[in-house]
Amino acid sequence: MRRFGSFIRDVLGCREIVGLRRALGQIKRRLLIPVVLALLLLNAGVALAQAPTWNSGYNGWWPGGFGYRPVTVQAPSYPCSVTAYGPTFNTHANSWNQNYGGGVSCTSGVGEKTLTISDQVLGPDGHTWYTITGSTFTAGPIGGNPLRMIRNRPASLGHVYRAAAVAKLIVPNGHAGCSINNTCFQTIVLTSTSRPLAP
């Protein structure tokens, strides 16, 4: 009798384990499908947000055309930022041209700002970027907000371009007693590079 009772307990235990395994398997399947779908939709949303489009311009001053949204880089320790605009492509008289540029600003217009922009093309190795001769321009220094610059140049089909914007900021550092040794200002250099794009 003892063997039979032990056998019954073993069989019931196995049933419970098998039932538990089945239940866990169903739970895994039920959870796996929504999680995978959510990840796929999230990735699709990110891909859609990053796609270049025909646009009507940005921030009330940048011209429309085919391109990505501007790329802004915030200073890590100060309320200032630099933005790279372009390349934004347009066709004119059966040829492609591009706008590229940048902007820099600080909260309340504090500090002195200098902005340098350039147009770059991807080299044949697919890794090295070259600044196009004659595409580099500098504006400033100015004390107000914002400092912006835009340039236009021809674009060739089959070439990949990007815009680079470098801001040099001379801003107060806020250290007490800095006037004693003339160290009341700090220099911050910010660089923003747009996303690469071909016409």
Foldseek 3Di string as FASTA:
>chain_A
DVVVVVVVVVVVVVVVVVVVVVVVVVVCVVVVVVVVVVVVVVVVVVVVLFAWDFDQAPPVPGHTATGHDWDKDADPPFQKIKIKDDQGWDDDPNFIKGKTKMKIAGVVLFFWKKKKKFKWWADPVRPDIDTDPPGIDMDDRDRGDMDMDMDMDGADAPIKMKMKMKMKTWGAPPDPPCVVVVNRIDIDIDMDMGDIDGD
